[in-house]
Amino acid sequence: MVKSLLRILKNNNLYNKTCLLNYALKTKQIQNFNTSYKMFKSSVSNLYEASKDQVQEFLNSFDTVLTDCDGVLWIDTTAIPGSADTINYFRKQGKRIFYVTNNSTKIRSDFAAKAQQLGFIASQDEILSTAYLVAHYLKGIGFTKKVYLLGSNGIGEELKAVGIRYIGVGPDHVQPDFKSMKPSELDPEVGAVVVGFDEHISYPKLMKAASYLSSEECLFIATNTDERFPKSNSIVVPGTGTLVRAVETCSERKALVLGKPHAYVRKFLESSGLDPGRTLMIGDRCSTDIEFGSRCGFQTLLVLSGVTSTKDLERIRSEKKPPLPDVVLPKLGDLLSLIPS
């Protein structure tokens, strides 16, 4: 078949061009070549504008689904309509599911329990959170010292589970003479500073983090650099990236970031036998989810139910600045209405 196609390509007259067109229309392999992968790659295509055959081709093109959580599956404690049914549909079709979140405030079992309460089929082993990644990374390099943690109990509990000691969780109140902090107030056993989401961030915490990091031997790790949390109203909730940049500024050091879109997540997932070309990443922001998928060679689906708005999407299409998602939907649940019956 390939040889016959090459013979056609060698000639340029109208007759052979017509033959080539008819040949392509009748040949299944060439139909596949011209559909989902080439058609949707970084094209920011609205799946609503795709034909049923194209939607089916897209669904057939991946075996593993990686999905962000906040803004894609739920916001706060409310499931986004149709998201659970869509993820559960993927599972029924034999696709593997991984919940990949930069949220570091919970342990994996808590994420799994939340997902189940909201109607998702999920197990702890399918949850890949940045709190777990921190513990996995430190355990993997044989870290035995203590962690100074700007973060929550989610990271603390994951560290505890692998036998790593930590301090710093909870309020550290600003005192009138906070500038007079003494070296004796620092724990000499601390060998790493970890920055996650910390609702108790304060000036004393920044002072301690920067002071520990003044030693080049002290590790500096961040869960993620997300700018803000997905919102359900007009209130903006600054994300972990705000805190990471503050510590980077005052310590004059750069953090090793473990969460999306950075390489450590991919390395972790590769250990489970992931095939990048047969993997779909679903997210609500280009700077983390889509960037992560693009770097890893995954297909990408952007939903507008979280951080990225319709106005943002117009700008993305206009500027055409990478990373660009392959396909877009208003929300994940909309995919069910497009599935050929």
Protein backbone atom coordinates (compact mmCIF):
# COMPACT_ATOMS: atom_id res chain seq x y z
CA MET A 1 0.00 0.00 0.00
CA VAL A 2 2.79 2.41 0.96
CA LYS A 3 4.74 1.64 -2.23
CA SER A 4 1.69 2.27 -4.40
CA LEU A 5 1.08 5.59 -2.65
CA LEU A 6 4.71 6.63 -3.24
CA ARG A 7 4.37 5.86 -6.96
CA ILE A 8 1.37 8.21 -7.09
CA LEU A 9 3.32 10.94 -5.29
CA LYS A 10 6.09 10.84 -7.92
CA ASN A 11 3.78 12.25 -10.62
CA ASN A 12 2.25 15.73 -10.64
CA ASN A 13 -0.44 15.69 -13.32
CA LEU A 14 -4.08 16.31 -12.51
CA TYR A 15 -5.06 12.69 -13.12
CA ASN A 16 -2.70 11.41 -10.46
CA LYS A 17 -3.68 14.16 -8.04
CA THR A 18 -7.28 13.04 -8.41
CA CYS A 19 -6.26 9.42 -7.89
CA LEU A 20 -4.33 10.38 -4.78
CA LEU A 21 -7.35 12.20 -3.34
CA ASN A 22 -9.62 9.22 -3.98
CA TYR A 23 -7.01 6.87 -2.55
CA ALA A 24 -6.78 8.93 0.65
CA LEU A 25 -10.53 9.06 1.08
CA LYS A 26 -10.77 5.29 0.80
CA THR A 27 -7.75 4.40 2.93
CA LYS A 28 -8.36 4.04 6.66
CA GLN A 29 -4.74 4.63 7.67
CA ILE A 30 -4.69 7.99 5.89
CA GLN A 31 -8.03 8.94 7.42
CA ASN A 32 -6.53 8.28 10.85
CA PHE A 33 -3.40 10.26 9.94
CA ASN A 34 -5.51 13.28 9.03
CA THR A 35 -7.83 13.26 12.03
CA SER A 36 -7.31 13.61 15.76
CA TYR A 37 -3.55 13.89 16.30
CA LYS A 38 -2.67 16.19 13.38
CA MET A 39 -5.96 18.03 13.42
CA PHE A 40 -6.00 18.88 17.13
CA LYS A 41 -2.31 19.25 18.01
CA SER A 42 -1.92 22.67 19.73
CA SER A 43 -4.87 23.91 17.67
CA VAL A 44 -7.06 25.16 20.58
CA SER A 45 -9.96 23.40 18.83
CA ASN A 46 -13.45 23.59 20.27
CA LEU A 47 -14.62 19.99 20.51
CA TYR A 48 -18.18 21.18 19.96
CA GLU A 49 -17.16 22.04 16.41
CA ALA A 50 -15.74 18.58 15.73
CA SER A 51 -17.68 15.91 13.89
CA LYS A 52 -18.82 12.75 15.67
CA ASP A 53 -16.14 10.77 13.86
CA GLN A 54 -13.48 13.22 15.01
CA VAL A 55 -14.71 13.08 18.61
CA GLN A 56 -14.62 9.28 18.51
CA GLU A 57 -11.14 9.37 16.98
CA PHE A 58 -10.04 11.68 19.81
CA LEU A 59 -11.50 9.35 22.46
CA ASN A 60 -9.74 6.38 20.88
CA SER A 61 -6.38 8.16 20.83
CA PHE A 62 -5.55 7.83 24.54
CA ASP A 63 -5.42 5.03 27.11
CA THR A 64 -4.43 7.05 30.19
CA VAL A 65 -6.14 10.15 31.59
CA LEU A 66 -4.33 12.58 33.86
CA THR A 67 -6.63 15.17 35.35
CA ASP A 68 -6.16 18.22 37.51
CA CYS A 69 -8.69 18.46 40.33
CA ASP A 70 -9.46 22.01 41.52
CA GLY A 71 -11.23 23.86 38.72
CA VAL A 72 -11.58 20.76 36.54
CA LEU A 73 -13.41 18.21 38.69
CA TRP A 74 -14.58 20.40 41.55
CA ILE A 75 -14.38 23.84 43.13
CA ASP A 76 -13.97 23.80 46.90
CA THR A 77 -16.40 21.07 48.02
CA THR A 78 -18.74 21.15 45.02
CA ALA A 79 -18.35 18.88 42.00
CA ILE A 80 -18.51 20.62 38.63
CA PRO A 81 -21.59 19.20 36.84
CA GLY A 82 -20.84 16.15 34.72
CA SER A 83 -17.20 15.84 35.72
CA ALA A 84 -17.67 12.67 37.80
CA ASP A 85 -19.75 11.00 35.10
CA THR A 86 -17.08 11.78 32.48
CA ILE A 87 -14.17 10.45 34.53
CA ASN A 88 -16.17 7.35 35.45
CA TYR A 89 -17.03 6.90 31.75
CA PHE A 90 -13.34 6.94 30.89
CA ARG A 91 -12.76 4.24 33.49
CA LYS A 92 -15.56 2.08 32.09
CA GLN A 93 -13.88 2.36 28.69
CA GLY A 94 -10.76 0.76 30.21
CA LYS A 95 -8.69 3.92 30.50
CA ARG A 96 -6.34 4.42 33.46
CA ILE A 97 -7.03 7.46 35.62
CA PHE A 98 -4.61 9.57 37.67
CA TYR A 99 -5.67 12.58 39.70
CA VAL A 100 -2.68 14.95 39.40
CA THR A 101 -3.00 17.98 41.67
CA ASN A 102 -0.69 20.77 42.80
CA ASN A 103 -2.81 21.15 45.93
CA SER A 104 -0.61 20.28 48.91
CA THR A 105 -3.11 20.80 51.72
CA LYS A 106 -4.35 17.19 51.94
CA ILE A 107 -2.89 13.71 52.11
CA ARG A 108 -3.70 11.24 49.34
CA SER A 109 -6.30 9.34 51.32
CA ASP A 110 -8.17 12.59 52.01
CA PHE A 111 -8.18 13.44 48.30
CA ALA A 112 -9.48 9.98 47.48
CA ALA A 113 -12.21 10.28 50.11
CA LYS A 114 -13.25 13.70 48.78
CA ALA A 115 -13.37 12.41 45.22
CA GLN A 116 -15.51 9.46 46.26
CA GLN A 117 -17.91 11.71 48.18
CA LEU A 118 -18.35 13.83 45.06
CA GLY A 119 -19.19 10.80 42.91
CA PHE A 120 -15.81 9.90 41.41
CA ILE A 121 -14.45 6.37 41.43
CA ALA A 122 -11.01 6.89 42.94
CA SER A 123 -8.40 5.13 45.05
CA GLN A 124 -5.44 6.47 47.02
CA ASP A 125 -2.97 4.94 44.56
CA GLU A 126 -4.46 7.06 41.76
CA ILE A 127 -3.86 10.34 43.62
CA LEU A 128 -0.66 12.20 42.79
CA SER A 129 -0.48 15.28 45.01
CA THR A 130 2.45 17.60 45.60
CA ALA A 131 2.43 16.78 49.32
CA TYR A 132 3.09 13.16 48.43
CA LEU A 133 5.72 14.15 45.85
CA VAL A 134 7.68 16.10 48.48
CA ALA A 135 7.80 13.09 50.81
CA HIS A 136 8.59 10.72 47.92
CA TYR A 137 11.44 12.93 46.71
CA LEU A 138 13.08 13.44 50.11
CA LYS A 139 12.78 9.76 50.97
CA GLY A 140 14.25 8.85 47.59
CA ILE A 141 17.41 10.91 48.11
CA GLY A 142 17.94 9.48 51.60
CA PHE A 143 17.17 12.72 53.46
CA THR A 144 17.53 12.22 57.24
CA LYS A 145 17.51 15.76 58.64
CA LYS A 146 14.55 17.89 59.64
CA VAL A 147 12.31 19.98 57.34
CA TYR A 148 11.29 23.56 58.01
CA LEU A 149 7.84 23.61 56.45
CA LEU A 150 5.94 26.62 55.17
CA GLY A 151 2.87 24.59 54.46
CA SER A 152 -0.01 22.65 55.93
CA ASN A 153 -0.63 19.37 57.70
CA GLY A 154 -1.08 17.71 54.30
CA ILE A 155 2.65 17.88 53.61
CA GLY A 156 3.46 17.22 57.26
CA GLU A 157 1.48 13.99 57.37
CA GLU A 158 3.02 12.73 54.13
CA LEU A 159 6.50 13.47 55.54
CA LYS A 160 5.60 11.72 58.77
CA ALA A 161 4.43 8.66 56.82
CA VAL A 162 7.95 8.16 55.42
CA GLY A 163 9.71 8.92 58.69
CA ILE A 164 10.84 12.50 58.01
CA ARG A 165 10.66 15.02 60.85
CA TYR A 166 9.40 18.56 60.32
CA ILE A 167 8.65 21.84 62.10
CA GLY A 168 6.89 25.07 61.17
CA VAL A 169 3.23 24.13 60.59
CA GLY A 170 0.77 26.57 62.11
CA PRO A 171 0.92 30.25 63.14
CA ASP A 172 4.19 32.00 63.94
CA HIS A 173 2.94 35.29 65.29
CA VAL A 174 4.68 38.58 64.57
CA GLN A 175 6.20 40.02 67.74
CA PRO A 176 6.85 43.76 68.32
CA ASP A 177 10.58 43.05 68.25
CA PHE A 178 10.47 40.54 65.37
CA LYS A 179 13.64 42.00 63.82
CA SER A 180 15.62 40.92 66.84
CA MET A 181 15.28 37.20 66.06
CA LYS A 182 18.34 35.33 67.36
CA PRO A 183 20.24 32.46 65.70
CA SER A 184 19.37 30.36 68.77
CA GLU A 185 15.75 30.37 67.59
CA LEU A 186 16.74 28.34 64.54
CA ASP A 187 16.78 24.53 64.74
CA PRO A 188 20.29 23.25 63.84
CA GLU A 189 18.83 19.94 62.62
CA VAL A 190 16.95 21.57 59.73
CA GLY A 191 18.37 20.49 56.39
CA ALA A 192 15.57 21.50 54.02
CA VAL A 193 13.00 24.25 53.57
CA VAL A 194 9.77 23.16 51.89
CA VAL A 195 7.26 25.75 50.68
CA GLY A 196 3.66 24.78 50.01
CA PHE A 197 0.39 26.57 50.64
CA ASP A 198 0.50 28.17 54.10
CA GLU A 199 -2.46 30.24 55.26
CA HIS A 200 -0.41 31.25 58.31
CA ILE A 201 2.41 32.86 56.34
CA SER A 202 4.07 35.66 58.34
CA TYR A 203 7.19 37.79 58.46
CA PRO A 204 8.86 35.56 61.09
CA LYS A 205 8.29 32.53 58.84
CA LEU A 206 9.95 34.28 55.92
CA MET A 207 12.86 35.27 58.15
CA LYS A 208 13.36 31.70 59.34
CA ALA A 209 13.07 30.21 55.86
CA ALA A 210 15.61 32.64 54.43
CA SER A 211 17.93 32.14 57.42
CA TYR A 212 17.93 28.36 57.02
CA LEU A 213 18.56 28.79 53.30
CA SER A 214 21.59 30.97 53.93
CA SER A 215 23.40 27.65 54.24
CA GLU A 216 24.10 26.24 50.78
CA GLU A 217 23.70 22.74 52.19
CA CYS A 218 20.06 23.40 53.05
CA LEU A 219 17.70 22.08 50.35
CA PHE A 220 15.02 24.42 48.97
CA ILE A 221 11.90 22.66 47.65
CA ALA A 222 8.54 24.01 46.50
CA THR A 223 5.35 22.10 45.79
CA ASN A 224 4.25 24.35 42.90
CA THR A 225 4.16 27.92 41.64
CA ASP A 226 0.43 28.31 40.87
CA GLU A 227 -0.47 31.99 40.94
CA ARG A 228 -3.97 31.64 42.41
CA PHE A 229 -6.69 29.16 43.26
CA PRO A 230 -9.73 28.58 41.02
CA LYS A 231 -12.50 30.87 42.25
CA SER A 232 -16.28 30.59 42.46
CA ASN A 233 -16.78 34.31 43.18
CA SER A 234 -14.96 37.65 42.92
CA ILE A 235 -12.52 36.92 45.77
CA VAL A 236 -8.97 36.15 44.61
CA VAL A 237 -7.10 33.56 46.69
CA PRO A 238 -3.32 33.86 46.12
CA GLY A 239 -1.68 30.53 45.36
CA THR A 240 1.52 28.86 46.52
CA GLY A 241 3.54 30.64 43.85
CA THR A 242 3.11 33.86 45.83
CA LEU A 243 4.86 32.33 48.83
CA VAL A 244 7.55 30.58 46.78
CA ARG A 245 8.56 33.81 45.08
CA ALA A 246 8.65 35.63 48.42
CA VAL A 247 11.07 33.05 49.87
CA GLU A 248 13.12 33.01 46.66
CA THR A 249 13.43 36.79 46.85
CA CYS A 250 14.54 37.06 50.46
CA SER A 251 16.79 33.96 50.35
CA GLU A 252 18.29 34.85 46.95
CA ARG A 253 17.89 31.22 45.91
CA LYS A 254 15.73 29.28 43.46
CA ALA A 255 13.50 26.44 44.61
CA LEU A 256 13.37 22.96 43.14
CA VAL A 257 9.70 22.79 42.10
CA LEU A 258 8.19 19.29 42.14
CA GLY A 259 4.63 19.90 40.93
CA LYS A 260 3.22 20.57 37.47
CA PRO A 261 4.58 21.56 35.00
CA HIS A 262 8.03 20.42 36.16
CA ALA A 263 9.95 17.25 35.33
CA TYR A 264 9.64 15.35 38.60
CA VAL A 265 5.94 14.58 38.03
CA ARG A 266 6.74 13.07 34.66
CA LYS A 267 9.56 10.95 36.11
CA PHE A 268 7.20 9.66 38.76
CA LEU A 269 4.48 8.81 36.23
CA GLU A 270 6.93 7.11 33.85
CA SER A 271 7.55 4.52 36.55
CA SER A 272 3.95 3.38 36.06
CA GLY A 273 4.55 2.57 32.39
CA LEU A 274 2.94 5.65 30.86
CA ASP A 275 2.94 5.95 27.06
CA PRO A 276 3.13 9.73 26.39
CA GLY A 277 1.60 9.42 22.94
CA ARG A 278 -1.44 7.64 24.39
CA THR A 279 -1.98 9.96 27.37
CA LEU A 280 -4.42 12.87 27.83
CA MET A 281 -3.82 15.70 30.32
CA ILE A 282 -6.91 17.67 31.39
CA GLY A 283 -6.50 21.02 33.11
CA ASP A 284 -7.90 24.48 33.68
CA ARG A 285 -4.75 26.57 33.23
CA CYS A 286 -2.13 26.76 30.49
CA SER A 287 0.80 27.74 32.69
CA THR A 288 0.72 24.48 34.66
CA ASP A 289 -1.56 21.76 33.26
CA ILE A 290 -1.21 22.43 29.53
CA GLU A 291 2.47 23.31 29.87
CA PHE A 292 2.99 20.02 31.71
CA GLY A 293 1.18 18.06 29.02
CA SER A 294 3.05 19.83 26.26
CA ARG A 295 6.46 19.20 27.84
CA CYS A 296 5.66 15.52 28.31
CA GLY A 297 4.26 14.91 24.82
CA PHE A 298 0.71 14.26 26.08
CA GLN A 299 -2.47 15.33 24.35
CA THR A 300 -4.14 18.20 26.21
CA LEU A 301 -7.68 19.29 26.99
CA LEU A 302 -8.31 22.74 28.49
CA VAL A 303 -11.57 23.38 30.35
CA LEU A 304 -12.94 26.82 31.22
CA SER A 305 -14.48 25.87 34.56
CA GLY A 306 -11.53 27.02 36.69
CA VAL A 307 -8.74 29.55 36.29
CA THR A 308 -8.88 30.12 32.51
CA SER A 309 -11.83 32.26 31.42
CA THR A 310 -13.50 32.73 28.03
CA LYS A 311 -11.68 36.06 27.76
CA ASP A 312 -8.37 34.33 28.51
CA LEU A 313 -9.13 31.79 25.78
CA GLU A 314 -9.69 34.57 23.24
CA ARG A 315 -6.28 36.00 24.14
CA ILE A 316 -4.66 32.55 23.90
CA ARG A 317 -6.09 32.04 20.41
CA SER A 318 -5.11 35.54 19.33
CA GLU A 319 -1.53 35.50 20.62
CA LYS A 320 -0.89 31.84 19.71
CA LYS A 321 1.80 31.76 22.36
CA PRO A 322 2.76 28.26 23.56
CA PRO A 323 1.75 26.21 25.34
CA LEU A 324 -1.46 25.85 23.35
CA PRO A 325 -4.05 23.18 24.26
CA ASP A 326 -5.11 20.68 21.65
CA VAL A 327 -8.81 20.90 22.44
CA VAL A 328 -11.08 23.05 24.61
CA LEU A 329 -14.45 22.61 26.33
CA PRO A 330 -16.44 24.87 28.66
CA LYS A 331 -16.37 22.07 31.26
CA LEU A 332 -15.32 18.44 31.32
CA GLY A 333 -18.90 17.18 31.65
CA ASP A 334 -19.75 18.60 28.23
CA LEU A 335 -17.76 15.79 26.63
CA LEU A 336 -20.50 13.27 27.43
CA SER A 337 -22.98 15.02 25.13
CA LEU A 338 -20.51 14.74 22.25
CA ILE A 339 -19.84 11.01 22.54
CA PRO A 340 -21.36 9.16 19.58
CA SER A 341 -24.17 6.88 20.72
